[in-house]
């Protein structure tokens, strides 16, 4: 194979989706935030001031990975934003990382890019495990810093085993709140996962999201509501989205919005009816989402970004999230 077999082609979201469907088991689509439906919705609502760079990199004529980037002037960054995308990364065939990044860096430099601003990044991201050392070998200026934390936990086979991983105080608190809610009336937790029912549940989620906290109501601008509605439609159609609805006496008391992908559950957001806040329905809806995930045999529960106290009380383990900046010579 010759150097001419190393190429970068700029793709559309339609062709990116075809890569996802064709190479899902080959390429490392590590999280929901780099999946084509998510990338396309974010770009449509927030990407208008940047140039789209969906680079498919081929090494020796075969696919090595995808670079989902935005170009602004001389800077490149991931498609996405920290307020909506908890962590990001490149999408690479395992074992092809070195070739992928060398081809990508050459192409970006040829397009006048002089700086990469990449984040948020998990510690095991391809940026931190491969790109940083490649950039240093090229004598580029590299900096990285912790900008946030995320919490997650490995799920055991049974609910009782999960409870046993908690401290005695934490376990007592979970059981006490569950018992207290049960004493208040008829409790039902149901998972909505078929496309039509998910679309029907969207207004309920948005209403409880707004009602639950003032800061959430402020966050949910018209543009953000449009984004959430588009995201629900796209991820429901792709089979990724779930709503977990907690009902008290047949009336919705809380709802969690999460994604079920790659044997992992990603807890994205939630809302609850403030009139039931004394019963901790917001927390209990997350507890029951955890319980359902265990019973479905999922291997990991990702609380996602943020150091909220409840994540620690429910057994979440903290990992650092980084930002990496690379400046070309």
Protein backbone atom coordinates (compact mmCIF):
# COMPACT_ATOMS: atom_id res chain seq x y z
CA UNK A 1 0.00 0.00 0.00
CA UNK A 2 1.23 3.52 -0.77
CA UNK A 3 0.80 6.85 0.97
CA UNK A 4 -1.96 7.63 -1.54
CA UNK A 5 -4.06 4.97 0.20
CA UNK A 6 -4.18 7.21 3.31
CA UNK A 7 -7.16 9.51 2.76
CA UNK A 8 -9.67 11.77 4.46
CA UNK A 9 -13.15 12.11 2.99
CA UNK A 10 -15.72 14.56 4.34
CA UNK A 11 -18.99 12.79 5.00
CA UNK A 12 -22.64 13.74 5.43
CA UNK A 13 -24.73 12.69 8.42
CA UNK A 14 -26.48 10.18 6.18
CA UNK A 15 -23.19 8.53 5.26
CA UNK A 16 -22.07 8.69 8.90
CA UNK A 17 -25.24 6.80 9.84
CA UNK A 18 -24.40 4.15 7.25
CA UNK A 19 -20.93 3.77 8.84
CA UNK A 20 -22.62 3.33 12.21
CA UNK A 21 -24.93 0.64 10.90
CA UNK A 22 -22.20 -1.07 8.86
CA UNK A 23 -19.27 -0.80 11.26
CA UNK A 24 -20.91 -0.61 14.70
CA UNK A 25 -18.96 -3.62 15.98
CA UNK A 26 -15.69 -2.45 14.36
CA UNK A 27 -15.51 1.23 15.19
CA UNK A 28 -15.45 2.30 18.85
CA UNK A 29 -18.73 4.24 19.25
CA UNK A 30 -17.98 4.50 22.95
CA UNK A 31 -20.89 6.63 24.11
CA UNK A 32 -24.23 8.03 23.02
CA UNK A 33 -22.83 11.53 22.48
CA UNK A 34 -20.85 10.49 19.39
CA UNK A 35 -23.63 8.49 17.75
CA UNK A 36 -24.92 9.95 14.44
CA UNK A 37 -28.47 10.77 15.65
CA UNK A 38 -27.08 12.81 18.56
CA UNK A 39 -24.41 14.56 16.49
CA UNK A 40 -26.87 15.53 13.77
CA UNK A 41 -29.46 16.97 16.15
CA UNK A 42 -26.85 19.02 18.02
CA UNK A 43 -25.36 20.32 14.75
CA UNK A 44 -28.77 21.27 13.39
CA UNK A 45 -29.67 23.32 16.48
CA UNK A 46 -26.31 24.78 17.54
CA UNK A 47 -23.70 24.38 14.79
CA UNK A 48 -24.63 27.19 12.42
CA UNK A 49 -21.59 29.37 13.17
CA UNK A 50 -19.03 26.64 12.46
CA UNK A 51 -17.86 24.56 9.50
CA UNK A 52 -18.77 20.89 9.69
CA UNK A 53 -15.90 18.38 9.45
CA UNK A 54 -17.11 14.78 9.47
CA UNK A 55 -13.82 13.22 8.44
CA UNK A 56 -13.67 9.53 7.54
CA UNK A 57 -9.99 8.53 7.79
CA UNK A 58 -8.68 5.56 5.84
CA UNK A 59 -5.26 4.03 6.50
CA UNK A 60 -3.86 1.79 3.76
CA UNK A 61 -7.22 2.02 2.01
CA UNK A 62 -9.34 0.70 4.91
CA UNK A 63 -11.46 2.61 7.41
CA UNK A 64 -9.53 3.69 10.51
CA UNK A 65 -12.05 6.00 12.12
CA UNK A 66 -14.26 9.07 12.13
CA UNK A 67 -13.41 12.59 13.30
CA UNK A 68 -16.63 14.45 14.26
CA UNK A 69 -15.32 18.02 14.40
CA UNK A 70 -16.32 21.66 14.06
CA UNK A 71 -13.95 24.17 12.48
CA UNK A 72 -14.02 27.79 13.60
CA UNK A 73 -11.31 29.87 12.02
CA UNK A 74 -8.03 28.16 12.88
CA UNK A 75 -9.49 26.04 15.73
CA UNK A 76 -11.09 22.60 15.65
CA UNK A 77 -13.28 21.12 18.39
CA UNK A 78 -15.73 18.25 18.80
CA UNK A 79 -19.31 18.50 17.64
CA UNK A 80 -21.16 19.12 20.88
CA UNK A 81 -21.19 21.39 23.93
CA UNK A 82 -20.44 20.87 27.60
CA UNK A 83 -23.98 21.73 28.71
CA UNK A 84 -25.53 18.94 26.63
CA UNK A 85 -22.76 16.41 25.89
CA UNK A 86 -21.14 14.89 28.97
CA UNK A 87 -18.04 13.54 27.24
CA UNK A 88 -16.80 13.19 23.67
CA UNK A 89 -14.16 11.40 21.65
CA UNK A 90 -13.05 10.28 18.21
CA UNK A 91 -14.50 7.06 16.74
CA UNK A 92 -11.63 4.72 15.87
CA UNK A 93 -11.02 1.08 14.97
CA UNK A 94 -8.98 -0.42 17.84
CA UNK A 95 -5.35 -0.78 16.77
CA UNK A 96 -5.63 1.98 14.13
CA UNK A 97 -5.19 4.93 16.49
CA UNK A 98 -1.64 6.00 15.52
CA UNK A 99 -2.32 5.99 11.78
CA UNK A 100 -5.70 7.67 12.32
CA UNK A 101 -4.26 10.59 14.26
CA UNK A 102 -1.25 11.16 12.02
CA UNK A 103 -3.46 11.33 8.91
CA UNK A 104 -5.98 13.57 10.71
CA UNK A 105 -3.34 15.99 11.98
CA UNK A 106 -1.78 16.32 8.54
CA UNK A 107 -5.18 17.01 6.98
CA UNK A 108 -6.19 19.58 9.59
CA UNK A 109 -2.89 21.42 9.22
CA UNK A 110 -3.38 21.46 5.46
CA UNK A 111 -6.74 23.18 6.05
CA UNK A 112 -5.15 25.92 8.14
CA UNK A 113 -6.09 24.57 11.56
CA UNK A 114 -3.57 25.59 14.21
CA UNK A 115 -5.28 24.53 17.43
CA UNK A 116 -7.37 21.65 18.78
CA UNK A 117 -9.67 22.31 21.73
CA UNK A 118 -11.01 18.92 22.79
CA UNK A 119 -13.30 18.02 25.66
CA UNK A 120 -14.89 16.87 27.84
CA UNK A 121 -12.74 13.71 27.82
CA UNK A 122 -12.82 10.54 29.87
CA UNK A 123 -9.41 9.34 31.14
CA UNK A 124 -9.54 6.40 28.71
CA UNK A 125 -10.42 8.56 25.70
CA UNK A 126 -8.38 8.15 22.52
CA UNK A 127 -7.29 11.77 22.90
CA UNK A 128 -5.57 11.18 26.24
CA UNK A 129 -4.30 7.65 25.54
CA UNK A 130 -2.96 8.24 21.99
CA UNK A 131 -3.27 11.76 20.58
CA UNK A 132 -1.42 13.50 23.41
CA UNK A 133 1.75 11.43 22.94
CA UNK A 134 1.56 11.70 19.12
CA UNK A 135 1.22 15.49 19.38
CA UNK A 136 4.19 15.70 21.76
CA UNK A 137 6.29 13.61 19.36
CA UNK A 138 5.46 16.20 16.70
CA UNK A 139 6.67 18.92 19.09
CA UNK A 140 3.21 20.47 19.38
CA UNK A 141 2.27 22.38 22.52
CA UNK A 142 -0.05 20.20 24.62
CA UNK A 143 -1.98 21.07 27.77
CA UNK A 144 -4.64 19.19 29.66
CA UNK A 145 -6.61 19.94 32.78
CA UNK A 146 -9.46 18.50 34.81
CA UNK A 147 -12.66 20.46 34.12
CA UNK A 148 -15.35 18.32 35.77
CA UNK A 149 -16.18 14.88 37.16
CA UNK A 150 -18.55 12.09 36.17
CA UNK A 151 -19.87 9.23 38.28
CA UNK A 152 -20.67 5.66 37.30
CA UNK A 153 -20.89 2.19 38.77
CA UNK A 154 -20.57 -1.41 37.63
CA UNK A 155 -23.86 -3.22 38.15
CA UNK A 156 -23.94 -6.59 39.93
CA UNK A 157 -26.28 -9.41 38.85
CA UNK A 158 -28.97 -8.83 41.49
CA UNK A 159 -30.61 -5.92 43.30
CA UNK A 160 -29.68 -7.32 46.69
CA UNK A 161 -26.03 -7.50 45.64
CA UNK A 162 -26.25 -3.85 44.59
CA UNK A 163 -27.73 -2.88 47.97
CA UNK A 164 -24.91 -4.79 49.68
CA UNK A 165 -22.35 -2.57 47.89
CA UNK A 166 -23.74 0.47 49.73
CA UNK A 167 -22.75 1.47 53.22
CA UNK A 168 -25.17 0.49 55.97
CA UNK A 169 -26.31 4.12 56.23
CA UNK A 170 -26.85 4.44 52.46
CA UNK A 171 -28.71 1.13 52.29
CA UNK A 172 -30.94 2.10 55.20
CA UNK A 173 -31.71 5.46 53.56
CA UNK A 174 -32.71 3.88 50.23
CA UNK A 175 -34.96 1.32 51.90
CA UNK A 176 -36.49 3.96 54.20
CA UNK A 177 -37.40 6.25 51.30
CA UNK A 178 -38.85 3.37 49.29
CA UNK A 179 -40.92 2.26 52.28
CA UNK A 180 -42.12 5.81 52.97
CA UNK A 181 -43.24 6.29 49.38
CA UNK A 182 -45.08 2.96 49.50
CA UNK A 183 -46.94 4.08 52.60
CA UNK A 184 -48.14 7.20 50.76
CA UNK A 185 -50.14 5.27 48.17
CA UNK A 186 -50.03 2.94 45.20
CA UNK A 187 -46.54 3.12 43.61
CA UNK A 188 -45.78 2.06 40.06
CA UNK A 189 -42.60 2.46 38.01
CA UNK A 190 -42.82 1.76 34.31
CA UNK A 191 -40.35 2.04 31.45
CA UNK A 192 -41.47 3.62 28.19
CA UNK A 193 -39.41 2.36 25.26
CA UNK A 194 -41.47 2.00 22.10
CA UNK A 195 -41.32 4.88 19.63
CA UNK A 196 -44.94 6.10 19.75
CA UNK A 197 -45.17 5.95 23.54
CA UNK A 198 -41.88 7.83 23.89
CA UNK A 199 -43.19 10.64 21.70
CA UNK A 200 -46.43 10.71 23.71
CA UNK A 201 -44.39 11.00 26.95
CA UNK A 202 -42.27 13.91 25.77
CA UNK A 203 -44.65 16.64 27.00
CA UNK A 204 -44.83 14.98 30.43
CA UNK A 205 -41.05 14.96 30.71
CA UNK A 206 -40.72 18.62 29.68
CA UNK A 207 -43.48 19.69 32.08
CA UNK A 208 -41.96 17.92 35.10
CA UNK A 209 -38.46 19.04 34.08
CA UNK A 210 -39.63 22.67 34.22
CA UNK A 211 -41.59 22.26 37.45
CA UNK A 212 -38.91 20.44 39.43
CA UNK A 213 -36.38 23.26 39.81
CA UNK A 214 -36.14 26.94 38.93
CA UNK A 215 -32.71 26.53 37.30
CA UNK A 216 -34.08 23.82 35.01
CA UNK A 217 -36.97 26.06 33.98
CA UNK A 218 -34.49 28.82 33.13
CA UNK A 219 -32.28 26.35 31.22
CA UNK A 220 -35.19 25.14 29.09
CA UNK A 221 -35.31 28.06 26.66
CA UNK A 222 -37.27 27.78 23.41
CA UNK A 223 -34.08 26.68 21.66
CA UNK A 224 -33.34 24.05 24.32
CA UNK A 225 -36.90 22.76 24.19
CA UNK A 226 -36.60 22.44 20.41
CA UNK A 227 -33.35 20.51 20.90
CA UNK A 228 -34.90 18.13 23.43
CA UNK A 229 -37.91 17.47 21.22
CA UNK A 230 -35.70 16.73 18.21
CA UNK A 231 -33.40 14.58 20.33
CA UNK A 232 -36.31 12.55 21.68
CA UNK A 233 -37.63 11.89 18.17
CA UNK A 234 -34.22 10.89 16.78
CA UNK A 235 -33.08 8.69 19.66
CA UNK A 236 -36.51 7.07 20.06
CA UNK A 237 -36.43 6.14 16.39
CA UNK A 238 -32.94 4.68 16.85
CA UNK A 239 -34.01 2.57 19.84
CA UNK A 240 -31.71 4.38 22.29
CA UNK A 241 -34.10 6.42 24.42
CA UNK A 242 -36.06 5.41 27.51
CA UNK A 243 -38.36 7.26 29.91
CA UNK A 244 -38.77 5.81 33.39
CA UNK A 245 -42.03 7.09 34.87
CA UNK A 246 -42.74 6.90 38.60
CA UNK A 247 -46.45 7.03 39.35
CA UNK A 248 -48.11 7.60 42.72
CA UNK A 249 -51.79 6.68 42.86
CA UNK A 250 -51.81 6.43 39.03
CA UNK A 251 -50.53 10.00 38.63
CA UNK A 252 -47.01 10.79 37.30
CA UNK A 253 -44.80 11.96 40.16
CA UNK A 254 -41.36 11.86 38.47
CA UNK A 255 -39.74 10.90 35.20
CA UNK A 256 -36.16 10.03 34.25
CA UNK A 257 -34.80 10.38 30.72
CA UNK A 258 -32.04 7.91 29.97
CA UNK A 259 -30.34 6.03 27.17
CA UNK A 260 -29.80 2.28 26.91
CA UNK A 261 -26.80 1.54 24.72
CA UNK A 262 -24.01 -1.01 24.56
CA UNK A 263 -25.22 -2.81 27.72
CA UNK A 264 -24.95 0.46 29.66
CA UNK A 265 -27.53 2.90 31.00
CA UNK A 266 -26.83 6.64 30.73
CA UNK A 267 -28.95 8.70 33.14
CA UNK A 268 -29.37 11.97 31.25
CA UNK A 269 -31.97 14.06 33.06
CA UNK A 270 -35.09 14.01 35.17
CA UNK A 271 -38.02 16.00 36.47
CA UNK A 272 -40.59 15.61 39.22
CA UNK A 273 -43.80 17.10 40.57
CA UNK A 274 -42.83 19.48 43.43
CA UNK A 275 -45.97 18.61 45.40
CA UNK A 276 -44.39 15.19 46.01
CA UNK A 277 -40.90 16.46 46.81
CA UNK A 278 -41.32 15.63 50.51
CA UNK A 279 -41.45 11.98 49.42
CA UNK A 280 -38.10 12.27 47.55
CA UNK A 281 -39.75 11.17 44.29
CA UNK A 282 -36.88 12.62 42.24
CA UNK A 283 -34.33 10.44 44.00
CA UNK A 284 -36.59 7.38 44.11
CA UNK A 285 -37.20 7.57 40.36
CA UNK A 286 -33.43 7.23 39.89
CA UNK A 287 -33.25 4.39 42.42
CA UNK A 288 -35.96 2.51 40.52
CA UNK A 289 -34.18 3.20 37.22
CA UNK A 290 -31.09 1.62 38.78
CA UNK A 291 -33.12 -1.36 39.98
CA UNK A 292 -34.67 -1.86 36.55
CA UNK A 293 -31.21 -1.68 34.94
CA UNK A 294 -29.95 -4.44 37.26
CA UNK A 295 -32.97 -6.60 36.51
CA UNK A 296 -32.43 -6.15 32.76
CA UNK A 297 -28.87 -7.40 33.15
CA UNK A 298 -27.10 -4.15 32.24
CA UNK A 299 -23.43 -4.04 33.19
CA UNK A 300 -22.91 -0.34 33.88
CA UNK A 301 -24.93 2.60 35.18
CA UNK A 302 -23.54 5.98 34.16
CA UNK A 303 -24.79 8.94 36.21
CA UNK A 304 -22.91 11.18 33.76
CA UNK A 305 -21.31 14.53 34.47
CA UNK A 306 -21.69 16.42 37.72
CA UNK A 307 -20.84 15.87 41.39
CA UNK A 308 -24.36 15.84 42.80
CA UNK A 309 -24.46 14.27 46.24
CA UNK A 310 -27.12 11.67 45.39
CA UNK A 311 -24.78 10.01 42.89
CA UNK A 312 -22.28 9.28 45.67
CA UNK A 313 -25.04 8.11 48.02
CA UNK A 314 -26.21 5.63 45.37
CA UNK A 315 -22.72 4.17 45.02
CA UNK A 316 -21.35 6.11 42.07
CA UNK A 317 -17.57 6.14 41.60
CA UNK A 318 -15.96 9.38 40.51
CA UNK A 319 -13.85 9.78 37.37
CA UNK A 320 -12.21 12.99 36.19
CA UNK A 321 -13.19 14.67 32.94
CA UNK A 322 -10.47 16.55 31.08
CA UNK A 323 -10.01 19.26 28.47
CA UNK A 324 -7.03 18.96 26.15
CA UNK A 325 -5.63 21.79 24.02
CA UNK A 326 -3.07 21.17 21.28
CA UNK A 327 -1.35 23.98 19.39
CA UNK A 328 0.55 23.26 16.17
CA UNK A 329 4.00 24.71 15.62
